[in-house]
Amino acid sequence: MRAVSEVPAWLPDVAVCPEDGGPLQAAGPGVRCTTCGREYAEQDGVLVLLPDRLAHLREPPPEAHRHAEDRHVRWIEDELRWWNPWHEREAVHPHSPHAGLRGRARERGLFRHVRPHLPPHPVVAEMGAGTSRTVAGLLPPGRDGLRYVATDVSPPALRRGRSLLGPGVASIQCDAVTWPLRDGVADLVLVLGVLHHLSDWRAALERACRVVRPGGFLLLHEVVAKPRVLGRLRSRGYNDDWVSPHEGDVPAAALREVLERHGEVVRWTGEESPLRFALVRSLFHRGDRYHHLERSPALAATLNALDQAFGRTLGRAFASLGFHEATVVWRRPAG
């Protein structure tokens, strides 16, 4: 019996060949590039669109590839060794738009500002989607004929996301820096906490901007660089023991420069002051009490209010006490 593809019929109109950018067409349980003839298979509902130099990453990278000469390939391999086990054990439930540090902040700072402007049956593409918890809670794919494309380099993350989202979504294993989506195809692009994990965040962000259709939006939530608190007195960061291998900061000025070169920054807000970081680490990280934040709108609102008050007062006076994250609404010019 021939395998039935889970690739949505509309996906070839959105994605392209990762090797040469050629158009794709359905081919059995996967797709084929009409330009170069390469075929890309579907594995457990995930379409694998990896270029030749990353083809071995269809599964967790074997030991033989630990010392890859290509810096970009080696970077991805290192990140996958860290992220794949994380995604396998991570609790998967939708972020709430009313509670939680991520859900509430992203609803108030990002999603509510663009939701009314989306057309019927919008195409929404997410770079580095992970398990798609934000989309599942704030912009469910089953609503209004929304066509959602979750992309990530981690197959465990995408598989767990599919269990959360249900049928009808597209899941693609791919590289963010050479994102294999068509230019101008998405009504909304999401890049949420991704850029600081990448080997070339500028290239990935520019690619994301080009994928947005004229008049469409990009929502960005990113770690931005700032001086460390008491940085002269310590050699390590407080969270160095639980971040991924290449995690780093993205300079806010450079981030804004890339965005403004391609379109309009409609809204830019900061969050994650040292006060909120300290409160979350001391009250919720110890003992794994994050579920209290996810369930309590009042608790999340209180923390966010304290965060904003601290960042907008002491944070403006002392750079090390300012916000460590930025939430950005960006729009591509319509004409």
C-alpha atoms as a PDB file:
ATOM      1  CA  MET A   1       0.000   0.000   0.000  1.00  0.00           C
ATOM      2  CA  ARG A   2       1.351   3.419  -0.941  1.00  0.00           C
ATOM      3  CA  ALA A   3       2.114   5.744   1.980  1.00  0.00           C
ATOM      4  CA  VAL A   4      -0.328   8.620   2.426  1.00  0.00           C
ATOM      5  CA  SER A   5       1.423  11.972   2.726  1.00  0.00           C
ATOM      6  CA  GLU A   6       0.691  14.248   5.663  1.00  0.00           C
ATOM      7  CA  VAL A   7       2.155  17.202   3.754  1.00  0.00           C
ATOM      8  CA  PRO A   8      -0.683  19.734   3.246  1.00  0.00           C
ATOM      9  CA  ALA A   9      -1.620  20.291  -0.384  1.00  0.00           C
ATOM     10  CA  TRP A  10      -0.845  24.009  -0.058  1.00  0.00           C
ATOM     11  CA  LEU A  11       2.698  23.562   1.265  1.00  0.00           C
ATOM     12  CA  PRO A  12       4.482  23.406  -2.153  1.00  0.00           C
ATOM     13  CA  ASP A  13       3.150  26.930  -2.729  1.00  0.00           C
ATOM     14  CA  VAL A  14       4.972  28.075   0.417  1.00  0.00           C
ATOM     15  CA  ALA A  15       8.232  26.097   0.600  1.00  0.00           C
ATOM     16  CA  VAL A  16      11.143  25.809  -1.852  1.00  0.00           C
ATOM     17  CA  CYS A  17      14.062  23.460  -2.426  1.00  0.00           C
ATOM     18  CA  PRO A  18      16.723  24.115   0.255  1.00  0.00           C
ATOM     19  CA  GLU A  19      19.527  23.386  -2.201  1.00  0.00           C
ATOM     20  CA  ASP A  20      18.693  25.670  -5.138  1.00  0.00           C
ATOM     21  CA  GLY A  21      15.466  27.478  -4.208  1.00  0.00           C
ATOM     22  CA  GLY A  22      13.513  25.657  -6.918  1.00  0.00           C
ATOM     23  CA  PRO A  23       9.736  25.031  -6.821  1.00  0.00           C
ATOM     24  CA  LEU A  24       8.444  21.883  -5.129  1.00  0.00           C
ATOM     25  CA  GLN A  25       5.708  19.479  -6.146  1.00  0.00           C
ATOM     26  CA  ALA A  26       4.105  16.579  -4.304  1.00  0.00           C
ATOM     27  CA  ALA A  27       5.876  13.258  -4.831  1.00  0.00           C
ATOM     28  CA  GLY A  28       4.495  10.294  -2.923  1.00  0.00           C
ATOM     29  CA  PRO A  29       4.849  10.877   0.808  1.00  0.00           C
ATOM     30  CA  GLY A  30       7.181  13.849   0.243  1.00  0.00           C
ATOM     31  CA  VAL A  31       8.053  16.467  -2.365  1.00  0.00           C
ATOM     32  CA  ARG A  32      10.359  16.840  -5.374  1.00  0.00           C
ATOM     33  CA  CYS A  33      12.207  19.902  -6.652  1.00  0.00           C
ATOM     34  CA  THR A  34      11.148  20.610 -10.214  1.00  0.00           C
ATOM     35  CA  THR A  35      14.503  22.273 -10.931  1.00  0.00           C
ATOM     36  CA  CYS A  36      17.140  19.869  -9.622  1.00  0.00           C
ATOM     37  CA  GLY A  37      15.029  16.726  -9.189  1.00  0.00           C
ATOM     38  CA  ARG A  38      15.985  16.188  -5.525  1.00  0.00           C
ATOM     39  CA  GLU A  39      13.356  14.416  -3.469  1.00  0.00           C
ATOM     40  CA  TYR A  40      12.637  15.272   0.145  1.00  0.00           C
ATOM     41  CA  ALA A  41      10.930  12.711   2.338  1.00  0.00           C
ATOM     42  CA  GLU A  42       8.388  13.006   5.084  1.00  0.00           C
ATOM     43  CA  GLN A  43       9.244  11.336   8.399  1.00  0.00           C
ATOM     44  CA  ASP A  44       6.515  10.930  11.019  1.00  0.00           C
ATOM     45  CA  GLY A  45       4.599  13.896   9.644  1.00  0.00           C
ATOM     46  CA  VAL A  46       7.697  16.105   9.345  1.00  0.00           C
ATOM     47  CA  LEU A  47       8.917  17.114   5.883  1.00  0.00           C
ATOM     48  CA  VAL A  48      12.717  17.074   5.828  1.00  0.00           C
ATOM     49  CA  LEU A  49      13.963  20.052   3.786  1.00  0.00           C
ATOM     50  CA  LEU A  50      17.671  19.984   4.580  1.00  0.00           C
ATOM     51  CA  PRO A  51      20.394  20.995   2.108  1.00  0.00           C
ATOM     52  CA  ASP A  52      22.979  18.402   1.154  1.00  0.00           C
ATOM     53  CA  ARG A  53      25.535  19.520   3.741  1.00  0.00           C
ATOM     54  CA  LEU A  54      22.966  18.966   6.526  1.00  0.00           C
ATOM     55  CA  ALA A  55      21.334  15.820   5.156  1.00  0.00           C
ATOM     56  CA  HIS A  56      22.851  13.694   7.944  1.00  0.00           C
ATOM     57  CA  LEU A  57      20.789  15.649  10.509  1.00  0.00           C
ATOM     58  CA  ARG A  58      17.578  13.884   9.578  1.00  0.00           C
ATOM     59  CA  GLU A  59      18.126  12.090  12.851  1.00  0.00           C
ATOM     60  CA  PRO A  60      20.204  13.249  15.876  1.00  0.00           C
ATOM     61  CA  PRO A  61      23.764  13.725  14.595  1.00  0.00           C
ATOM     62  CA  PRO A  62      26.010  10.674  15.078  1.00  0.00           C
ATOM     63  CA  GLU A  63      29.410  10.845  16.752  1.00  0.00           C
ATOM     64  CA  ALA A  64      31.110  10.749  13.356  1.00  0.00           C
ATOM     65  CA  HIS A  65      29.975  14.303  12.666  1.00  0.00           C
ATOM     66  CA  ARG A  66      31.161  15.867  15.912  1.00  0.00           C
ATOM     67  CA  HIS A  67      34.192  17.426  14.216  1.00  0.00           C
ATOM     68  CA  ALA A  68      32.580  18.701  11.015  1.00  0.00           C
ATOM     69  CA  GLU A  69      34.806  21.208   9.233  1.00  0.00           C
ATOM     70  CA  ASP A  70      31.937  23.507   8.272  1.00  0.00           C
ATOM     71  CA  ARG A  71      31.436  25.911  11.197  1.00  0.00           C
ATOM     72  CA  HIS A  72      27.717  26.288  10.498  1.00  0.00           C
ATOM     73  CA  VAL A  73      27.191  22.504  10.395  1.00  0.00           C
ATOM     74  CA  ARG A  74      29.187  22.010  13.585  1.00  0.00           C
ATOM     75  CA  TRP A  75      27.178  24.759  15.287  1.00  0.00           C
ATOM     76  CA  ILE A  76      23.869  23.056  14.445  1.00  0.00           C
ATOM     77  CA  GLU A  77      25.146  19.657  15.550  1.00  0.00           C
ATOM     78  CA  ASP A  78      26.185  21.059  18.929  1.00  0.00           C
ATOM     79  CA  GLU A  79      22.830  22.739  19.406  1.00  0.00           C
ATOM     80  CA  LEU A  80      20.882  19.590  18.502  1.00  0.00           C
ATOM     81  CA  ARG A  81      22.771  17.500  21.038  1.00  0.00           C
ATOM     82  CA  TRP A  82      21.545  19.917  23.673  1.00  0.00           C
ATOM     83  CA  TRP A  83      18.026  20.655  22.374  1.00  0.00           C
ATOM     84  CA  ASN A  84      16.784  17.226  21.267  1.00  0.00           C
ATOM     85  CA  PRO A  85      16.787  15.725  24.794  1.00  0.00           C
ATOM     86  CA  TRP A  86      15.267  18.976  26.092  1.00  0.00           C
ATOM     87  CA  HIS A  87      12.342  18.763  23.681  1.00  0.00           C
ATOM     88  CA  GLU A  88      11.814  15.070  24.399  1.00  0.00           C
ATOM     89  CA  ARG A  89      11.195  15.753  28.101  1.00  0.00           C
ATOM     90  CA  GLU A  90       9.617  19.222  27.925  1.00  0.00           C
ATOM     91  CA  ALA A  91       6.028  19.515  29.111  1.00  0.00           C
ATOM     92  CA  VAL A  92       3.854  20.356  26.101  1.00  0.00           C
ATOM     93  CA  HIS A  93       0.798  22.503  26.654  1.00  0.00           C
ATOM     94  CA  PRO A  94      -0.319  25.732  24.964  1.00  0.00           C
ATOM     95  CA  HIS A  95       0.889  29.039  26.335  1.00  0.00           C
ATOM     96  CA  SER A  96      -1.942  31.037  27.868  1.00  0.00           C
ATOM     97  CA  PRO A  97      -2.616  34.566  26.582  1.00  0.00           C
ATOM     98  CA  HIS A  98      -3.515  35.567  30.152  1.00  0.00           C
ATOM     99  CA  ALA A  99      -0.887  33.877  32.322  1.00  0.00           C
ATOM    100  CA  GLY A 100       2.712  32.745  32.210  1.00  0.00           C
ATOM    101  CA  LEU A 101       5.805  34.783  31.442  1.00  0.00           C
ATOM    102  CA  ARG A 102       5.786  33.941  27.734  1.00  0.00           C
ATOM    103  CA  GLY A 103       2.106  33.671  26.840  1.00  0.00           C
ATOM    104  CA  ARG A 104       0.854  36.840  28.530  1.00  0.00           C
ATOM    105  CA  ALA A 105       3.794  38.970  27.392  1.00  0.00           C
ATOM    106  CA  ARG A 106       3.579  37.792  23.792  1.00  0.00           C
ATOM    107  CA  GLU A 107      -0.171  38.324  23.653  1.00  0.00           C
ATOM    108  CA  ARG A 108       0.044  41.867  25.030  1.00  0.00           C
ATOM    109  CA  GLY A 109       3.234  42.898  23.250  1.00  0.00           C
ATOM    110  CA  LEU A 110       2.825  41.102  19.925  1.00  0.00           C
ATOM    111  CA  PHE A 111      -0.197  39.074  18.862  1.00  0.00           C
ATOM    112  CA  ARG A 112      -3.047  41.399  19.797  1.00  0.00           C
ATOM    113  CA  HIS A 113      -1.498  44.119  17.632  1.00  0.00           C
ATOM    114  CA  VAL A 114      -1.574  42.077  14.410  1.00  0.00           C
ATOM    115  CA  ARG A 115      -4.442  39.614  14.803  1.00  0.00           C
ATOM    116  CA  PRO A 116      -7.113  42.070  13.516  1.00  0.00           C
ATOM    117  CA  HIS A 117      -4.999  42.794  10.412  1.00  0.00           C
ATOM    118  CA  LEU A 118      -4.615  39.217   9.188  1.00  0.00           C
ATOM    119  CA  PRO A 119      -6.543  38.300   6.020  1.00  0.00           C
ATOM    120  CA  PRO A 120      -8.840  35.280   5.727  1.00  0.00           C
ATOM    121  CA  HIS A 121      -6.932  31.972   5.580  1.00  0.00           C
ATOM    122  CA  PRO A 122      -3.579  33.555   6.426  1.00  0.00           C
ATOM    123  CA  VAL A 123      -0.232  31.835   5.984  1.00  0.00           C
ATOM    124  CA  VAL A 124       1.707  31.930   9.263  1.00  0.00           C
ATOM    125  CA  ALA A 125       5.303  30.682   9.262  1.00  0.00           C
ATOM    126  CA  GLU A 126       7.392  30.237  12.393  1.00  0.00           C
ATOM    127  CA  MET A 127      11.188  30.084  12.397  1.00  0.00           C
ATOM    128  CA  GLY A 128      12.566  27.906  15.183  1.00  0.00           C
ATOM    129  CA  ALA A 129       9.073  26.895  16.252  1.00  0.00           C
ATOM    130  CA  GLY A 130      10.164  24.319  18.820  1.00  0.00           C
ATOM    131  CA  THR A 131       6.993  22.675  20.104  1.00  0.00           C
ATOM    132  CA  SER A 132       4.783  25.563  18.867  1.00  0.00           C
ATOM    133  CA  ARG A 133       3.367  26.286  22.314  1.00  0.00           C
ATOM    134  CA  THR A 134       2.890  29.994  21.594  1.00  0.00           C
ATOM    135  CA  VAL A 135       0.931  29.435  18.383  1.00  0.00           C
ATOM    136  CA  ALA A 136      -1.147  26.676  19.969  1.00  0.00           C
ATOM    137  CA  GLY A 137      -2.318  29.052  22.696  1.00  0.00           C
ATOM    138  CA  LEU A 138      -2.376  32.467  21.026  1.00  0.00           C
ATOM    139  CA  LEU A 139      -3.133  31.741  17.367  1.00  0.00           C
ATOM    140  CA  PRO A 140      -4.558  28.197  17.087  1.00  0.00           C
ATOM    141  CA  PRO A 141      -4.158  26.833  13.531  1.00  0.00           C
ATOM    142  CA  GLY A 142      -7.697  25.433  13.478  1.00  0.00           C
ATOM    143  CA  ARG A 143      -9.148  28.956  13.623  1.00  0.00           C
ATOM    144  CA  ASP A 144     -10.276  30.865  10.490  1.00  0.00           C
ATOM    145  CA  GLY A 145      -8.564  28.523   8.030  1.00  0.00           C
ATOM    146  CA  LEU A 146      -5.116  29.549   9.238  1.00  0.00           C
ATOM    147  CA  ARG A 147      -2.303  27.741   7.394  1.00  0.00           C
ATOM    148  CA  TYR A 148       0.557  27.269   9.825  1.00  0.00           C
ATOM    149  CA  VAL A 149       4.103  26.227   8.916  1.00  0.00           C
ATOM    150  CA  ALA A 150       6.238  25.150  11.886  1.00  0.00           C
ATOM    151  CA  THR A 151       9.947  25.002  11.055  1.00  0.00           C
ATOM    152  CA  ASP A 152      12.797  23.838  13.251  1.00  0.00           C
ATOM    153  CA  VAL A 153      16.005  21.837  12.918  1.00  0.00           C
ATOM    154  CA  SER A 154      14.940  19.516  15.782  1.00  0.00           C
ATOM    155  CA  PRO A 155      12.663  16.600  14.767  1.00  0.00           C
ATOM    156  CA  PRO A 156      11.656  15.801  18.394  1.00  0.00           C
ATOM    157  CA  ALA A 157      10.443  19.372  18.826  1.00  0.00           C
ATOM    158  CA  LEU A 158       8.375  19.289  15.645  1.00  0.00           C
ATOM    159  CA  ARG A 159       6.860  15.896  16.449  1.00  0.00           C
ATOM    160  CA  ARG A 160       5.803  17.042  19.909  1.00  0.00           C
ATOM    161  CA  GLY A 161       4.400  20.215  18.414  1.00  0.00           C
ATOM    162  CA  ARG A 162       2.282  18.198  15.997  1.00  0.00           C
ATOM    163  CA  SER A 163       0.754  16.300  18.919  1.00  0.00           C
ATOM    164  CA  LEU A 164      -0.241  19.660  20.386  1.00  0.00           C
ATOM    165  CA  LEU A 165      -1.501  21.347  17.207  1.00  0.00           C
ATOM    166  CA  GLY A 166      -3.469  18.562  15.587  1.00  0.00           C
ATOM    167  CA  PRO A 167      -3.851  17.788  11.853  1.00  0.00           C
ATOM    168  CA  GLY A 168      -3.657  20.232   8.978  1.00  0.00           C
ATOM    169  CA  VAL A 169      -0.432  22.000   9.958  1.00  0.00           C
ATOM    170  CA  ALA A 170       2.857  21.756   8.068  1.00  0.00           C
ATOM    171  CA  SER A 171       6.007  20.739   9.936  1.00  0.00           C
ATOM    172  CA  ILE A 172       9.400  21.216   8.252  1.00  0.00           C
ATOM    173  CA  GLN A 173      12.835  20.229   9.493  1.00  0.00           C
ATOM    174  CA  CYS A 174      15.157  22.841   8.002  1.00  0.00           C
ATOM    175  CA  ASP A 175      17.934  25.336   8.592  1.00  0.00           C
ATOM    176  CA  ALA A 176      16.924  28.819   9.761  1.00  0.00           C
ATOM    177  CA  VAL A 177      19.870  30.641   8.204  1.00  0.00           C
ATOM    178  CA  THR A 178      18.915  29.408   4.721  1.00  0.00           C
ATOM    179  CA  TRP A 179      15.177  29.226   5.451  1.00  0.00           C
ATOM    180  CA  PRO A 180      13.559  27.317   2.529  1.00  0.00           C
ATOM    181  CA  LEU A 181      10.378  29.384   2.142  1.00  0.00           C
ATOM    182  CA  ARG A 182       9.288  31.530  -0.800  1.00  0.00           C
ATOM    183  CA  ASP A 183       9.782  35.281  -0.743  1.00  0.00           C
ATOM    184  CA  GLY A 184       6.626  37.267   0.024  1.00  0.00           C
ATOM    185  CA  VAL A 185       4.506  34.239   0.866  1.00  0.00           C
ATOM    186  CA  ALA A 186       3.588  34.670   4.559  1.00  0.00           C
ATOM    187  CA  ASP A 187       1.031  37.035   6.050  1.00  0.00           C
ATOM    188  CA  LEU A 188       2.752  36.643   9.400  1.00  0.00           C
ATOM    189  CA  VAL A 189       6.226  35.391  10.324  1.00  0.00           C
ATOM    190  CA  LEU A 190       7.130  34.496  13.907  1.00  0.00           C
ATOM    191  CA  VAL A 191      10.700  34.539  15.236  1.00  0.00           C
ATOM    192  CA  LEU A 192      10.355  33.986  18.972  1.00  0.00           C
ATOM    193  CA  GLY A 193      13.532  33.517  20.993  1.00  0.00           C
ATOM    194  CA  VAL A 194      15.500  32.061  18.086  1.00  0.00           C
ATOM    195  CA  LEU A 195      18.136  34.432  16.708  1.00  0.00           C
ATOM    196  CA  HIS A 196      20.587  34.172  19.612  1.00  0.00           C
ATOM    197  CA  HIS A 197      20.880  30.416  18.961  1.00  0.00           C
ATOM    198  CA  LEU A 198      21.956  30.821  15.322  1.00  0.00           C
ATOM    199  CA  SER A 199      25.384  30.924  13.678  1.00  0.00           C
ATOM    200  CA  ASP A 200      24.347  33.936  11.545  1.00  0.00           C
ATOM    201  CA  TRP A 201      21.364  35.718  13.052  1.00  0.00           C
ATOM    202  CA  ARG A 202      21.524  38.598  10.555  1.00  0.00           C
ATOM    203  CA  ALA A 203      21.172  36.280   7.556  1.00  0.00           C
ATOM    204  CA  ALA A 204      18.282  34.457   9.233  1.00  0.00           C
ATOM    205  CA  LEU A 205      16.460  37.686  10.097  1.00  0.00           C
ATOM    206  CA  GLU A 206      16.894  39.109   6.615  1.00  0.00           C
ATOM    207  CA  ARG A 207      15.542  35.860   5.191  1.00  0.00           C
ATOM    208  CA  ALA A 208      12.549  36.053   7.542  1.00  0.00           C
ATOM    209  CA  CYS A 209      11.826  39.622   6.432  1.00  0.00           C
ATOM    210  CA  ARG A 210      11.833  38.592   2.775  1.00  0.00           C
ATOM    211  CA  VAL A 211       9.361  35.774   3.426  1.00  0.00           C
ATOM    212  CA  VAL A 212       6.776  38.287   4.701  1.00  0.00           C
ATOM    213  CA  ARG A 213       4.375  39.424   2.000  1.00  0.00           C
ATOM    214  CA  PRO A 214       4.092  43.168   1.226  1.00  0.00           C
ATOM    215  CA  GLY A 215       1.971  44.653   3.989  1.00  0.00           C
ATOM    216  CA  GLY A 216       2.464  41.603   6.207  1.00  0.00           C
ATOM    217  CA  PHE A 217       3.957  41.375   9.679  1.00  0.00           C
ATOM    218  CA  LEU A 218       6.871  39.831  11.529  1.00  0.00           C
ATOM    219  CA  LEU A 219       6.688  39.288  15.298  1.00  0.00           C
ATOM    220  CA  LEU A 220      10.022  39.064  17.055  1.00  0.00           C
ATOM    221  CA  HIS A 221      10.907  38.205  20.656  1.00  0.00           C
ATOM    222  CA  GLU A 222      14.636  38.223  21.196  1.00  0.00           C
ATOM    223  CA  VAL A 223      17.392  38.362  23.797  1.00  0.00           C
ATOM    224  CA  VAL A 224      19.354  41.572  23.324  1.00  0.00           C
ATOM    225  CA  ALA A 225      22.809  42.439  24.594  1.00  0.00           C
ATOM    226  CA  LYS A 226      23.358  44.613  27.663  1.00  0.00           C
ATOM    227  CA  PRO A 227      26.079  44.848  30.321  1.00  0.00           C
ATOM    228  CA  ARG A 228      25.900  42.138  32.973  1.00  0.00           C
ATOM    229  CA  VAL A 229      24.997  43.099  36.527  1.00  0.00           C
ATOM    230  CA  LEU A 230      28.295  43.285  38.466  1.00  0.00           C
ATOM    231  CA  GLY A 231      29.990  42.061  35.300  1.00  0.00           C
ATOM    232  CA  ARG A 232      33.403  43.339  36.417  1.00  0.00           C
ATOM    233  CA  LEU A 233      33.238  41.152  39.535  1.00  0.00           C
ATOM    234  CA  ARG A 234      32.336  37.805  37.969  1.00  0.00           C
ATOM    235  CA  SER A 235      33.554  35.826  34.991  1.00  0.00           C
ATOM    236  CA  ARG A 236      30.382  33.763  34.406  1.00  0.00           C
ATOM    237  CA  GLY A 237      26.720  34.571  33.949  1.00  0.00           C
ATOM    238  CA  TYR A 238      24.140  33.351  36.444  1.00  0.00           C
ATOM    239  CA  ASN A 239      22.430  31.195  33.830  1.00  0.00           C
ATOM    240  CA  ASP A 240      25.517  29.778  32.074  1.00  0.00           C
ATOM    241  CA  ASP A 241      24.791  26.311  33.458  1.00  0.00           C
ATOM    242  CA  TRP A 242      21.428  25.911  31.728  1.00  0.00           C
ATOM    243  CA  VAL A 243      21.765  27.562  28.309  1.00  0.00           C
ATOM    244  CA  SER A 244      22.490  25.883  24.986  1.00  0.00           C
ATOM    245  CA  PRO A 245      26.094  25.602  23.691  1.00  0.00           C
ATOM    246  CA  HIS A 246      26.177  28.699  21.473  1.00  0.00           C
ATOM    247  CA  GLU A 247      23.619  30.871  23.209  1.00  0.00           C
ATOM    248  CA  GLY A 248      24.508  34.545  22.972  1.00  0.00           C
ATOM    249  CA  ASP A 249      23.088  38.032  22.777  1.00  0.00           C
ATOM    250  CA  VAL A 250      21.948  40.028  19.762  1.00  0.00           C
ATOM    251  CA  PRO A 251      22.900  43.741  19.869  1.00  0.00           C
ATOM    252  CA  ALA A 252      19.706  45.787  19.994  1.00  0.00           C
ATOM    253  CA  ALA A 253      21.057  48.509  17.701  1.00  0.00           C
ATOM    254  CA  ALA A 254      22.130  45.976  15.079  1.00  0.00           C
ATOM    255  CA  LEU A 255      18.771  44.201  15.335  1.00  0.00           C
ATOM    256  CA  ARG A 256      16.884  47.429  14.757  1.00  0.00           C
ATOM    257  CA  GLU A 257      19.156  48.363  11.858  1.00  0.00           C
ATOM    258  CA  VAL A 258      18.382  45.141   9.997  1.00  0.00           C
ATOM    259  CA  LEU A 259      14.648  45.523  10.586  1.00  0.00           C
ATOM    260  CA  GLU A 260      14.493  49.173   9.550  1.00  0.00           C
ATOM    261  CA  ARG A 261      16.473  48.450   6.404  1.00  0.00           C
ATOM    262  CA  HIS A 262      13.728  46.073   5.247  1.00  0.00           C
ATOM    263  CA  GLY A 263      10.590  47.680   6.634  1.00  0.00           C
ATOM    264  CA  GLU A 264       8.971  49.522   9.538  1.00  0.00           C
ATOM    265  CA  VAL A 265       9.371  48.812  13.246  1.00  0.00           C
ATOM    266  CA  VAL A 266       5.783  49.392  14.371  1.00  0.00           C
ATOM    267  CA  ARG A 267       6.331  48.602  18.052  1.00  0.00           C
ATOM    268  CA  TRP A 268       9.392  47.909  20.220  1.00  0.00           C
ATOM    269  CA  THR A 269       9.080  47.079  23.926  1.00  0.00           C
ATOM    270  CA  GLY A 270      11.491  45.696  26.507  1.00  0.00           C
ATOM    271  CA  GLU A 271      11.137  43.069  29.208  1.00  0.00           C
ATOM    272  CA  GLU A 272      13.163  40.779  31.506  1.00  0.00           C
ATOM    273  CA  SER A 273      14.838  43.167  33.928  1.00  0.00           C
ATOM    274  CA  PRO A 274      17.286  41.811  36.531  1.00  0.00           C
ATOM    275  CA  LEU A 275      14.509  42.118  39.125  1.00  0.00           C
ATOM    276  CA  ARG A 276      12.183  39.769  37.271  1.00  0.00           C
ATOM    277  CA  PHE A 277      15.039  37.395  36.500  1.00  0.00           C
ATOM    278  CA  ALA A 278      15.971  37.228  40.184  1.00  0.00           C
ATOM    279  CA  LEU A 279      12.383  36.740  41.342  1.00  0.00           C
ATOM    280  CA  VAL A 280      11.700  33.974  38.841  1.00  0.00           C
ATOM    281  CA  ARG A 281      14.961  32.182  39.607  1.00  0.00           C
ATOM    282  CA  SER A 282      14.513  32.346  43.364  1.00  0.00           C
ATOM    283  CA  LEU A 283      10.756  31.793  43.652  1.00  0.00           C
ATOM    284  CA  PHE A 284       9.883  29.546  40.693  1.00  0.00           C
ATOM    285  CA  HIS A 285      12.971  27.997  39.134  1.00  0.00           C
ATOM    286  CA  ARG A 286      13.981  26.351  42.404  1.00  0.00           C
ATOM    287  CA  GLY A 287      11.633  23.487  43.056  1.00  0.00           C
ATOM    288  CA  ASP A 288      10.274  23.610  39.498  1.00  0.00           C
ATOM    289  CA  ARG A 289       7.297  25.837  40.341  1.00  0.00           C
ATOM    290  CA  TYR A 290       6.800  27.343  36.887  1.00  0.00           C
ATOM    291  CA  HIS A 291       3.319  25.842  36.718  1.00  0.00           C
ATOM    292  CA  HIS A 292       2.160  28.467  39.241  1.00  0.00           C
ATOM    293  CA  LEU A 293       3.004  31.201  36.736  1.00  0.00           C
ATOM    294  CA  GLU A 294       1.309  29.331  33.902  1.00  0.00           C
ATOM    295  CA  ARG A 295      -1.930  29.014  35.880  1.00  0.00           C
ATOM    296  CA  SER A 296      -2.191  32.405  37.578  1.00  0.00           C
ATOM    297  CA  PRO A 297      -2.956  35.545  35.529  1.00  0.00           C
ATOM    298  CA  ALA A 298      -2.641  37.674  38.671  1.00  0.00           C
ATOM    299  CA  LEU A 299       0.821  36.330  39.469  1.00  0.00           C
ATOM    300  CA  ALA A 300       2.037  36.822  35.898  1.00  0.00           C
ATOM    301  CA  ALA A 301       0.583  40.349  35.767  1.00  0.00           C
ATOM    302  CA  THR A 302       2.274  41.276  39.053  1.00  0.00           C
ATOM    303  CA  LEU A 303       5.666  40.036  37.903  1.00  0.00           C
ATOM    304  CA  ASN A 304       5.355  41.823  34.579  1.00  0.00           C
ATOM    305  CA  ALA A 305       4.286  45.066  36.290  1.00  0.00           C
ATOM    306  CA  LEU A 306       7.295  44.937  38.619  1.00  0.00           C
ATOM    307  CA  ASP A 307       9.500  44.126  35.637  1.00  0.00           C
ATOM    308  CA  GLN A 308       8.294  47.158  33.669  1.00  0.00           C
ATOM    309  CA  ALA A 309       8.540  49.509  36.639  1.00  0.00           C
ATOM    310  CA  PHE A 310      12.112  48.410  37.384  1.00  0.00           C
ATOM    311  CA  GLY A 311      13.285  48.461  33.767  1.00  0.00           C
ATOM    312  CA  ARG A 312      11.805  51.885  33.038  1.00  0.00           C
ATOM    313  CA  THR A 313      13.284  53.531  36.119  1.00  0.00           C
ATOM    314  CA  LEU A 314      16.561  52.064  37.344  1.00  0.00           C
ATOM    315  CA  GLY A 315      17.027  50.372  33.968  1.00  0.00           C
ATOM    316  CA  ARG A 316      17.142  53.743  32.225  1.00  0.00           C
ATOM    317  CA  ALA A 317      19.661  55.078  34.708  1.00  0.00           C
ATOM    318  CA  PHE A 318      21.979  52.051  34.657  1.00  0.00           C
ATOM    319  CA  ALA A 319      22.381  49.971  31.484  1.00  0.00           C
ATOM    320  CA  SER A 320      23.109  46.738  33.392  1.00  0.00           C
ATOM    321  CA  LEU A 321      19.707  47.042  35.134  1.00  0.00           C
ATOM    322  CA  GLY A 322      17.768  47.478  31.892  1.00  0.00           C
ATOM    323  CA  PHE A 323      15.734  45.017  29.860  1.00  0.00           C
ATOM    324  CA  HIS A 324      17.417  41.904  28.490  1.00  0.00           C
ATOM    325  CA  GLU A 325      14.719  41.019  25.926  1.00  0.00           C
ATOM    326  CA  ALA A 326      12.864  42.899  23.201  1.00  0.00           C
ATOM    327  CA  THR A 327       9.452  42.239  21.683  1.00  0.00           C
ATOM    328  CA  VAL A 328       9.042  43.777  18.231  1.00  0.00           C
ATOM    329  CA  VAL A 329       6.190  44.194  15.776  1.00  0.00           C
ATOM    330  CA  TRP A 330       7.593  44.793  12.264  1.00  0.00           C
ATOM    331  CA  ARG A 331       5.758  45.402   9.005  1.00  0.00           C
ATOM    332  CA  ARG A 332       6.904  45.081   5.415  1.00  0.00           C
ATOM    333  CA  PRO A 333       5.984  48.033   3.188  1.00  0.00           C
ATOM    334  CA  ALA A 334       2.826  47.399   1.189  1.00  0.00           C
ATOM    335  CA  GLY A 335       4.059  48.912  -2.035  1.00  0.00           C
END
